[in-house]
Structure formats: structure tokens, C-alpha cells
Amino acid sequence: MKHDDIKKILLEDEEIKVEYDALSPIYEIKKELIRLRLEKGLSQHDLADLIGTKQSAISRLENGSYNPSIEFLSKIAHALGKELHISFN
């Protein structure tokens, strides 16, 4: 069975779907940060140096074991040549 098949089955459960949807913005941010870092040709260590933190902090952010502050995300955005914008839709 493929990952997408299992995901589809699990998301048929309303309780699981609600939790999954609630986590979506966090995963999208992390996925975008990884994409931008790689696009710039930066390692986790390089990015950490640019913002004055340790590589392990970038690793924890990217692997989902750390929920960053807005200030931390802003530092990363600026290091990647971007601006951080937060909106409520």
C-alpha cells in the first residue's frame, strides 16, 4: 500500500482530518523554509551561521521537533532574502 493510499484512508476519519488540517500551516512553513534554503545553496550550518544560531536549531525546525518564534522565522526570512508576512484568512 502506498503512502497516499494510507493517508486517504486515515483522513476519512473526521477527528484525524481535523488534527491534520490544523497542522498544515506549520508543515507548509517548514517545507517552504527547506525549499528556500536549498534554493540558495545553503546547508543547515550555513543558515545557522547567518542568523547566529546553531545548526541543531535549524535541524529541529526542519524536522518538526521545534515550533519557532516569529522572531526566529523573521531572522531566517531575512537571511534567505525574504520578508516574513503573517496573515489570518
PDB file of N, CA and C in Angstrom:
ATOM      1  N   MET A   1       0.846  -1.173   0.000  1.00  0.00           N
ATOM      2  CA  MET A   1       0.000   0.000   0.000  1.00  0.00           C
ATOM      3  C   MET A   1       0.895   1.241   0.000  1.00  0.00           C
ATOM      4  N   LYS A   2       0.539   2.225  -0.789  1.00  0.00           N
ATOM      5  CA  LYS A   2       1.311   3.458  -0.910  1.00  0.00           C
ATOM      6  C   LYS A   2       0.944   4.450   0.193  1.00  0.00           C
ATOM      7  N   HIS A   3       1.868   5.374   0.429  1.00  0.00           N
ATOM      8  CA  HIS A   3       1.665   6.421   1.441  1.00  0.00           C
ATOM      9  C   HIS A   3       0.367   7.180   1.188  1.00  0.00           C
ATOM     10  N   ASP A   4       0.130   7.572  -0.059  1.00  0.00           N
ATOM     11  CA  ASP A   4      -1.080   8.335  -0.385  1.00  0.00           C
ATOM     12  C   ASP A   4      -2.353   7.537  -0.116  1.00  0.00           C
ATOM     13  N   ASP A   5      -2.290   6.228  -0.328  1.00  0.00           N
ATOM     14  CA  ASP A   5      -3.459   5.381  -0.053  1.00  0.00           C
ATOM     15  C   ASP A   5      -3.767   5.346   1.445  1.00  0.00           C
ATOM     16  N   ILE A   6      -2.721   5.195   2.251  1.00  0.00           N
ATOM     17  CA  ILE A   6      -2.899   5.162   3.698  1.00  0.00           C
ATOM     18  C   ILE A   6      -3.413   6.512   4.198  1.00  0.00           C
ATOM     19  N   LYS A   7      -2.821   7.582   3.662  1.00  0.00           N
ATOM     20  CA  LYS A   7      -3.246   8.938   4.042  1.00  0.00           C
ATOM     21  C   LYS A   7      -4.729   9.138   3.737  1.00  0.00           C
ATOM     22  N   LYS A   8      -5.156   8.706   2.567  1.00  0.00           N
ATOM     23  CA  LYS A   8      -6.563   8.854   2.170  1.00  0.00           C
ATOM     24  C   LYS A   8      -7.485   8.112   3.140  1.00  0.00           C
ATOM     25  N   ILE A   9      -7.100   6.906   3.493  1.00  0.00           N
ATOM     26  CA  ILE A   9      -7.907   6.105   4.422  1.00  0.00           C
ATOM     27  C   ILE A   9      -7.978   6.784   5.789  1.00  0.00           C
ATOM     28  N   LEU A  10      -6.837   7.230   6.283  1.00  0.00           N
ATOM     29  CA  LEU A  10      -6.804   7.872   7.599  1.00  0.00           C
ATOM     30  C   LEU A  10      -7.619   9.159   7.621  1.00  0.00           C
ATOM     31  N   LEU A  11      -7.555   9.937   6.553  1.00  0.00           N
ATOM     32  CA  LEU A  11      -8.258  11.212   6.516  1.00  0.00           C
ATOM     33  C   LEU A  11      -9.772  11.066   6.369  1.00  0.00           C
ATOM     34  N   GLU A  12     -10.237   9.856   6.173  1.00  0.00           N
ATOM     35  CA  GLU A  12     -11.676   9.618   6.178  1.00  0.00           C
ATOM     36  C   GLU A  12     -12.248   9.738   7.597  1.00  0.00           C
ATOM     37  N   ASP A  13     -11.380   9.576   8.586  1.00  0.00           N
ATOM     38  CA  ASP A  13     -11.772   9.752   9.990  1.00  0.00           C
ATOM     39  C   ASP A  13     -11.784  11.254  10.275  1.00  0.00           C
ATOM     40  N   GLU A  14     -12.942  11.793  10.633  1.00  0.00           N
ATOM     41  CA  GLU A  14     -13.103  13.247  10.816  1.00  0.00           C
ATOM     42  C   GLU A  14     -12.173  13.807  11.890  1.00  0.00           C
ATOM     43  N   GLU A  15     -11.995  13.079  12.963  1.00  0.00           N
ATOM     44  CA  GLU A  15     -11.123  13.548  14.040  1.00  0.00           C
ATOM     45  C   GLU A  15      -9.674  13.670  13.567  1.00  0.00           C
ATOM     46  N   ILE A  16      -9.224  12.692  12.822  1.00  0.00           N
ATOM     47  CA  ILE A  16      -7.861  12.728  12.276  1.00  0.00           C
ATOM     48  C   ILE A  16      -7.729  13.866  11.269  1.00  0.00           C
ATOM     49  N   LYS A  17      -8.741  14.053  10.434  1.00  0.00           N
ATOM     50  CA  LYS A  17      -8.701  15.115   9.426  1.00  0.00           C
ATOM     51  C   LYS A  17      -8.612  16.494  10.070  1.00  0.00           C
ATOM     52  N   VAL A  18      -9.349  16.716  11.142  1.00  0.00           N
ATOM     53  CA  VAL A  18      -9.309  17.999  11.843  1.00  0.00           C
ATOM     54  C   VAL A  18      -7.894  18.271  12.366  1.00  0.00           C
ATOM     55  N   GLU A  19      -7.282  17.272  12.985  1.00  0.00           N
ATOM     56  CA  GLU A  19      -5.920  17.422  13.504  1.00  0.00           C
ATOM     57  C   GLU A  19      -4.923  17.641  12.368  1.00  0.00           C
ATOM     58  N   TYR A  20      -5.077  16.890  11.312  1.00  0.00           N
ATOM     59  CA  TYR A  20      -4.188  17.024  10.144  1.00  0.00           C
ATOM     60  C   TYR A  20      -4.279  18.428   9.561  1.00  0.00           C
ATOM     61  N   ASP A  21      -5.490  18.918   9.378  1.00  0.00           N
ATOM     62  CA  ASP A  21      -5.688  20.257   8.822  1.00  0.00           C
ATOM     63  C   ASP A  21      -5.122  21.340   9.734  1.00  0.00           C
ATOM     64  N   ALA A  22      -5.202  21.137  11.030  1.00  0.00           N
ATOM     65  CA  ALA A  22      -4.680  22.117  11.987  1.00  0.00           C
ATOM     66  C   ALA A  22      -3.156  22.227  11.902  1.00  0.00           C
ATOM     67  N   LEU A  23      -2.497  21.134  11.568  1.00  0.00           N
ATOM     68  CA  LEU A  23      -1.035  21.130  11.469  1.00  0.00           C
ATOM     69  C   LEU A  23      -0.521  21.597  10.113  1.00  0.00           C
ATOM     70  N   SER A  24      -1.378  21.686   9.147  1.00  0.00           N
ATOM     71  CA  SER A  24      -0.973  22.024   7.785  1.00  0.00           C
ATOM     72  C   SER A  24      -0.162  23.311   7.667  1.00  0.00           C
ATOM     73  N   PRO A  25      -0.567  24.418   8.288  1.00  0.00           N
ATOM     74  CA  PRO A  25       0.235  25.646   8.143  1.00  0.00           C
ATOM     75  C   PRO A  25       1.669  25.493   8.656  1.00  0.00           C
ATOM     76  N   ILE A  26       1.847  24.777   9.739  1.00  0.00           N
ATOM     77  CA  ILE A  26       3.185  24.571  10.295  1.00  0.00           C
ATOM     78  C   ILE A  26       4.053  23.795   9.321  1.00  0.00           C
ATOM     79  N   TYR A  27       3.499  22.726   8.753  1.00  0.00           N
ATOM     80  CA  TYR A  27       4.268  21.923   7.806  1.00  0.00           C
ATOM     81  C   TYR A  27       4.556  22.686   6.516  1.00  0.00           C
ATOM     82  N   GLU A  28       3.638  23.513   6.093  1.00  0.00           N
ATOM     83  CA  GLU A  28       3.867  24.316   4.890  1.00  0.00           C
ATOM     84  C   GLU A  28       5.006  25.304   5.101  1.00  0.00           C
ATOM     85  N   ILE A  29       5.064  25.927   6.271  1.00  0.00           N
ATOM     86  CA  ILE A  29       6.152  26.861   6.587  1.00  0.00           C
ATOM     87  C   ILE A  29       7.486  26.124   6.568  1.00  0.00           C
ATOM     88  N   LYS A  30       7.543  24.988   7.218  1.00  0.00           N
ATOM     89  CA  LYS A  30       8.784  24.225   7.275  1.00  0.00           C
ATOM     90  C   LYS A  30       9.220  23.761   5.892  1.00  0.00           C
ATOM     91  N   LYS A  31       8.271  23.297   5.096  1.00  0.00           N
ATOM     92  CA  LYS A  31       8.583  22.852   3.738  1.00  0.00           C
ATOM     93  C   LYS A  31       9.130  24.018   2.903  1.00  0.00           C
ATOM     94  N   GLU A  32       8.530  25.181   3.053  1.00  0.00           N
ATOM     95  CA  GLU A  32       8.971  26.362   2.306  1.00  0.00           C
ATOM     96  C   GLU A  32      10.359  26.811   2.757  1.00  0.00           C
ATOM     97  N   LEU A  33      10.637  26.777   4.051  1.00  0.00           N
ATOM     98  CA  LEU A  33      11.960  27.152   4.542  1.00  0.00           C
ATOM     99  C   LEU A  33      13.043  26.223   3.997  1.00  0.00           C
ATOM    100  N   ILE A  34      12.765  24.945   3.964  1.00  0.00           N
ATOM    101  CA  ILE A  34      13.724  23.982   3.411  1.00  0.00           C
ATOM    102  C   ILE A  34      13.947  24.269   1.930  1.00  0.00           C
ATOM    103  N   ARG A  35      12.862  24.511   1.196  1.00  0.00           N
ATOM    104  CA  ARG A  35      12.979  24.803  -0.232  1.00  0.00           C
ATOM    105  C   ARG A  35      13.830  26.047  -0.477  1.00  0.00           C
ATOM    106  N   LEU A  36      13.566  27.105   0.278  1.00  0.00           N
ATOM    107  CA  LEU A  36      14.318  28.348   0.103  1.00  0.00           C
ATOM    108  C   LEU A  36      15.791  28.177   0.469  1.00  0.00           C
ATOM    109  N   ARG A  37      16.058  27.451   1.547  1.00  0.00           N
ATOM    110  CA  ARG A  37      17.442  27.213   1.954  1.00  0.00           C
ATOM    111  C   ARG A  37      18.201  26.468   0.873  1.00  0.00           C
ATOM    112  N   LEU A  38      17.585  25.429   0.342  1.00  0.00           N
ATOM    113  CA  LEU A  38      18.233  24.639  -0.708  1.00  0.00           C
ATOM    114  C   LEU A  38      18.385  25.445  -1.992  1.00  0.00           C
ATOM    115  N   GLU A  39      17.391  26.261  -2.290  1.00  0.00           N
ATOM    116  CA  GLU A  39      17.441  27.121  -3.479  1.00  0.00           C
ATOM    117  C   GLU A  39      18.638  28.075  -3.416  1.00  0.00           C
ATOM    118  N   LYS A  40      18.956  28.539  -2.215  1.00  0.00           N
ATOM    119  CA  LYS A  40      20.102  29.433  -2.008  1.00  0.00           C
ATOM    120  C   LYS A  40      21.421  28.665  -1.920  1.00  0.00           C
ATOM    121  N   GLY A  41      21.345  27.338  -1.937  1.00  0.00           N
ATOM    122  CA  GLY A  41      22.549  26.515  -1.855  1.00  0.00           C
ATOM    123  C   GLY A  41      23.178  26.509  -0.473  1.00  0.00           C
ATOM    124  N   LEU A  42      22.365  26.701   0.550  1.00  0.00           N
ATOM    125  CA  LEU A  42      22.856  26.756   1.922  1.00  0.00           C
ATOM    126  C   LEU A  42      22.630  25.439   2.651  1.00  0.00           C
ATOM    127  N   SER A  43      23.612  25.058   3.425  1.00  0.00           N
ATOM    128  CA  SER A  43      23.425  23.924   4.335  1.00  0.00           C
ATOM    129  C   SER A  43      22.729  24.450   5.589  1.00  0.00           C
ATOM    130  N   GLN A  44      22.308  23.542   6.437  1.00  0.00           N
ATOM    131  CA  GLN A  44      21.734  23.966   7.716  1.00  0.00           C
ATOM    132  C   GLN A  44      22.763  24.757   8.515  1.00  0.00           C
ATOM    133  N   HIS A  45      24.005  24.323   8.459  1.00  0.00           N
ATOM    134  CA  HIS A  45      25.080  25.007   9.176  1.00  0.00           C
ATOM    135  C   HIS A  45      25.278  26.422   8.634  1.00  0.00           C
ATOM    136  N   ASP A  46      25.258  26.577   7.309  1.00  0.00           N
ATOM    137  CA  ASP A  46      25.404  27.904   6.695  1.00  0.00           C
ATOM    138  C   ASP A  46      24.295  28.849   7.160  1.00  0.00           C
ATOM    139  N   LEU A  47      23.067  28.364   7.122  1.00  0.00           N
ATOM    140  CA  LEU A  47      21.934  29.186   7.533  1.00  0.00           C
ATOM    141  C   LEU A  47      22.037  29.553   9.011  1.00  0.00           C
ATOM    142  N   ALA A  48      22.428  28.593   9.821  1.00  0.00           N
ATOM    143  CA  ALA A  48      22.591  28.854  11.255  1.00  0.00           C
ATOM    144  C   ALA A  48      23.620  29.949  11.488  1.00  0.00           C
ATOM    145  N   ASP A  49      24.729  29.893  10.773  1.00  0.00           N
ATOM    146  CA  ASP A  49      25.757  30.927  10.906  1.00  0.00           C
ATOM    147  C   ASP A  49      25.215  32.302  10.534  1.00  0.00           C
ATOM    148  N   LEU A  50      24.401  32.361   9.480  1.00  0.00           N
ATOM    149  CA  LEU A  50      23.857  33.642   9.024  1.00  0.00           C
ATOM    150  C   LEU A  50      22.952  34.298  10.064  1.00  0.00           C
ATOM    151  N   ILE A  51      22.256  33.480  10.850  1.00  0.00           N
ATOM    152  CA  ILE A  51      21.322  34.064  11.822  1.00  0.00           C
ATOM    153  C   ILE A  51      21.830  33.996  13.255  1.00  0.00           C
ATOM    154  N   GLY A  52      23.046  33.486  13.427  1.00  0.00           N
ATOM    155  CA  GLY A  52      23.640  33.467  14.756  1.00  0.00           C
ATOM    156  C   GLY A  52      23.069  32.422  15.692  1.00  0.00           C
ATOM    157  N   THR A  53      22.837  31.233  15.156  1.00  0.00           N
ATOM    158  CA  THR A  53      22.346  30.136  15.993  1.00  0.00           C
ATOM    159  C   THR A  53      23.130  28.880  15.659  1.00  0.00           C
ATOM    160  N   LYS A  54      22.740  27.773  16.228  1.00  0.00           N
ATOM    161  CA  LYS A  54      23.418  26.501  15.979  1.00  0.00           C
ATOM    162  C   LYS A  54      22.694  25.725  14.883  1.00  0.00           C
ATOM    163  N   GLN A  55      23.437  24.881  14.204  1.00  0.00           N
ATOM    164  CA  GLN A  55      22.867  24.033  13.163  1.00  0.00           C
ATOM    165  C   GLN A  55      21.758  23.167  13.730  1.00  0.00           C
ATOM    166  N   SER A  56      21.886  22.745  14.958  1.00  0.00           N
ATOM    167  CA  SER A  56      20.874  21.873  15.561  1.00  0.00           C
ATOM    168  C   SER A  56      19.517  22.578  15.664  1.00  0.00           C
ATOM    169  N   ALA A  57      19.521  23.906  15.823  1.00  0.00           N
ATOM    170  CA  ALA A  57      18.256  24.650  15.874  1.00  0.00           C
ATOM    171  C   ALA A  57      17.551  24.607  14.515  1.00  0.00           C
ATOM    172  N   ILE A  58      18.333  24.718  13.443  1.00  0.00           N
ATOM    173  CA  ILE A  58      17.755  24.637  12.097  1.00  0.00           C
ATOM    174  C   ILE A  58      17.244  23.224  11.842  1.00  0.00           C
ATOM    175  N   SER A  59      18.005  22.232  12.265  1.00  0.00           N
ATOM    176  CA  SER A  59      17.589  20.844  12.104  1.00  0.00           C
ATOM    177  C   SER A  59      16.284  20.562  12.838  1.00  0.00           C
ATOM    178  N   ARG A  60      16.187  21.022  14.074  1.00  0.00           N
ATOM    179  CA  ARG A  60      14.956  20.799  14.854  1.00  0.00           C
ATOM    180  C   ARG A  60      13.759  21.477  14.190  1.00  0.00           C
ATOM    181  N   LEU A  61      13.979  22.663  13.649  1.00  0.00           N
ATOM    182  CA  LEU A  61      12.906  23.366  12.949  1.00  0.00           C
ATOM    183  C   LEU A  61      12.455  22.562  11.728  1.00  0.00           C
ATOM    184  N   GLU A  62      13.417  22.124  10.934  1.00  0.00           N
ATOM    185  CA  GLU A  62      13.080  21.423   9.693  1.00  0.00           C
ATOM    186  C   GLU A  62      12.498  20.036   9.916  1.00  0.00           C
ATOM    187  N   ASN A  63      12.872  19.379  10.993  1.00  0.00           N
ATOM    188  CA  ASN A  63      12.337  18.028  11.199  1.00  0.00           C
ATOM    189  C   ASN A  63      11.058  18.011  12.026  1.00  0.00           C
ATOM    190  N   GLY A  64      10.612  19.183  12.455  1.00  0.00           N
ATOM    191  CA  GLY A  64       9.324  19.266  13.119  1.00  0.00           C
ATOM    192  C   GLY A  64       9.341  19.119  14.619  1.00  0.00           C
ATOM    193  N   SER A  65      10.525  19.091  15.227  1.00  0.00           N
ATOM    194  CA  SER A  65      10.558  18.927  16.677  1.00  0.00           C
ATOM    195  C   SER A  65      10.678  20.261  17.417  1.00  0.00           C
ATOM    196  N   TYR A  66      10.516  21.361  16.695  1.00  0.00           N
ATOM    197  CA  TYR A  66      10.647  22.687  17.296  1.00  0.00           C
ATOM    198  C   TYR A  66       9.659  23.634  16.643  1.00  0.00           C
ATOM    199  N   ASN A  67       8.883  24.328  17.426  1.00  0.00           N
ATOM    200  CA  ASN A  67       7.981  25.350  16.900  1.00  0.00           C
ATOM    201  C   ASN A  67       8.630  26.706  17.121  1.00  0.00           C
ATOM    202  N   PRO A  68       9.043  27.357  16.051  1.00  0.00           N
ATOM    203  CA  PRO A  68       9.821  28.581  16.167  1.00  0.00           C
ATOM    204  C   PRO A  68       8.985  29.799  16.551  1.00  0.00           C
ATOM    205  N   SER A  69       9.678  30.780  17.095  1.00  0.00           N
ATOM    206  CA  SER A  69       9.027  32.055  17.375  1.00  0.00           C
ATOM    207  C   SER A  69       8.941  32.863  16.078  1.00  0.00           C
ATOM    208  N   ILE A  70       8.121  33.869  16.082  1.00  0.00           N
ATOM    209  CA  ILE A  70       8.021  34.759  14.925  1.00  0.00           C
ATOM    210  C   ILE A  70       9.360  35.448  14.697  1.00  0.00           C
ATOM    211  N   GLU A  71      10.036  35.824  15.763  1.00  0.00           N
ATOM    212  CA  GLU A  71      11.347  36.466  15.644  1.00  0.00           C
ATOM    213  C   GLU A  71      12.345  35.536  14.940  1.00  0.00           C
ATOM    214  N   PHE A  72      12.353  34.264  15.304  1.00  0.00           N
ATOM    215  CA  PHE A  72      13.250  33.293  14.684  1.00  0.00           C
ATOM    216  C   PHE A  72      12.928  33.134  13.205  1.00  0.00           C
ATOM    217  N   LEU A  73      11.649  33.031  12.874  1.00  0.00           N
ATOM    218  CA  LEU A  73      11.249  32.918  11.472  1.00  0.00           C
ATOM    219  C   LEU A  73      11.630  34.170  10.693  1.00  0.00           C
ATOM    220  N   SER A  74      11.505  35.324  11.313  1.00  0.00           N
ATOM    221  CA  SER A  74      11.878  36.573  10.657  1.00  0.00           C
ATOM    222  C   SER A  74      13.377  36.613  10.356  1.00  0.00           C
ATOM    223  N   LYS A  75      14.199  36.170  11.288  1.00  0.00           N
ATOM    224  CA  LYS A  75      15.647  36.108  11.070  1.00  0.00           C
ATOM    225  C   LYS A  75      15.971  35.196   9.886  1.00  0.00           C
ATOM    226  N   ILE A  76      15.310  34.062   9.833  1.00  0.00           N
ATOM    227  CA  ILE A  76      15.543  33.122   8.737  1.00  0.00           C
ATOM    228  C   ILE A  76      15.116  33.746   7.413  1.00  0.00           C
ATOM    229  N   ALA A  77      13.938  34.370   7.403  1.00  0.00           N
ATOM    230  CA  ALA A  77      13.448  35.003   6.172  1.00  0.00           C
ATOM    231  C   ALA A  77      14.450  36.026   5.657  1.00  0.00           C
ATOM    232  N   HIS A  78      14.944  36.878   6.532  1.00  0.00           N
ATOM    233  CA  HIS A  78      15.899  37.907   6.109  1.00  0.00           C
ATOM    234  C   HIS A  78      17.203  37.285   5.615  1.00  0.00           C
ATOM    235  N   ALA A  79      17.664  36.236   6.262  1.00  0.00           N
ATOM    236  CA  ALA A  79      18.890  35.554   5.838  1.00  0.00           C
ATOM    237  C   ALA A  79      18.725  34.934   4.445  1.00  0.00           C
ATOM    238  N   LEU A  80      17.489  34.578   4.115  1.00  0.00           N
ATOM    239  CA  LEU A  80      17.198  33.977   2.810  1.00  0.00           C
ATOM    240  C   LEU A  80      16.768  35.020   1.780  1.00  0.00           C
ATOM    241  N   GLY A  81      16.852  36.304   2.155  1.00  0.00           N
ATOM    242  CA  GLY A  81      16.494  37.378   1.228  1.00  0.00           C
ATOM    243  C   GLY A  81      14.995  37.549   1.060  1.00  0.00           C
ATOM    244  N   LYS A  82      14.247  37.170   2.059  1.00  0.00           N
ATOM    245  CA  LYS A  82      12.789  37.242   2.015  1.00  0.00           C
ATOM    246  C   LYS A  82      12.262  38.070   3.174  1.00  0.00           C
ATOM    247  N   GLU A  83      10.976  38.380   3.137  1.00  0.00           N
ATOM    248  CA  GLU A  83      10.294  39.028   4.248  1.00  0.00           C
ATOM    249  C   GLU A  83       9.254  38.064   4.798  1.00  0.00           C
ATOM    250  N   LEU A  84       9.064  38.102   6.094  1.00  0.00           N
ATOM    251  CA  LEU A  84       8.043  37.275   6.726  1.00  0.00           C
ATOM    252  C   LEU A  84       6.737  38.047   6.782  1.00  0.00           C
ATOM    253  N   HIS A  85       5.670  37.456   6.277  1.00  0.00           N
ATOM    254  CA  HIS A  85       4.332  38.047   6.351  1.00  0.00           C
ATOM    255  C   HIS A  85       3.417  37.016   6.981  1.00  0.00           C
ATOM    256  N   ILE A  86       2.636  37.444   7.942  1.00  0.00           N
ATOM    257  CA  ILE A  86       1.684  36.567   8.605  1.00  0.00           C
ATOM    258  C   ILE A  86       0.305  37.155   8.405  1.00  0.00           C
ATOM    259  N   SER A  87      -0.633  36.306   8.038  1.00  0.00           N
ATOM    260  CA  SER A  87      -1.994  36.796   7.848  1.00  0.00           C
ATOM    261  C   SER A  87      -2.988  35.805   8.402  1.00  0.00           C
ATOM    262  N   PHE A  88      -4.146  36.310   8.721  1.00  0.00           N
ATOM    263  CA  PHE A  88      -5.262  35.468   9.163  1.00  0.00           C
ATOM    264  C   PHE A  88      -6.319  35.560   8.081  1.00  0.00           C
ATOM    265  N   ASN A  89      -6.680  34.420   7.528  1.00  0.00           N
ATOM    266  CA  ASN A  89      -7.680  34.412   6.444  1.00  0.00           C
ATOM    267  C   ASN A  89      -8.976  33.800   6.910  1.00  0.00           C
TER     268      ASN A  89
END
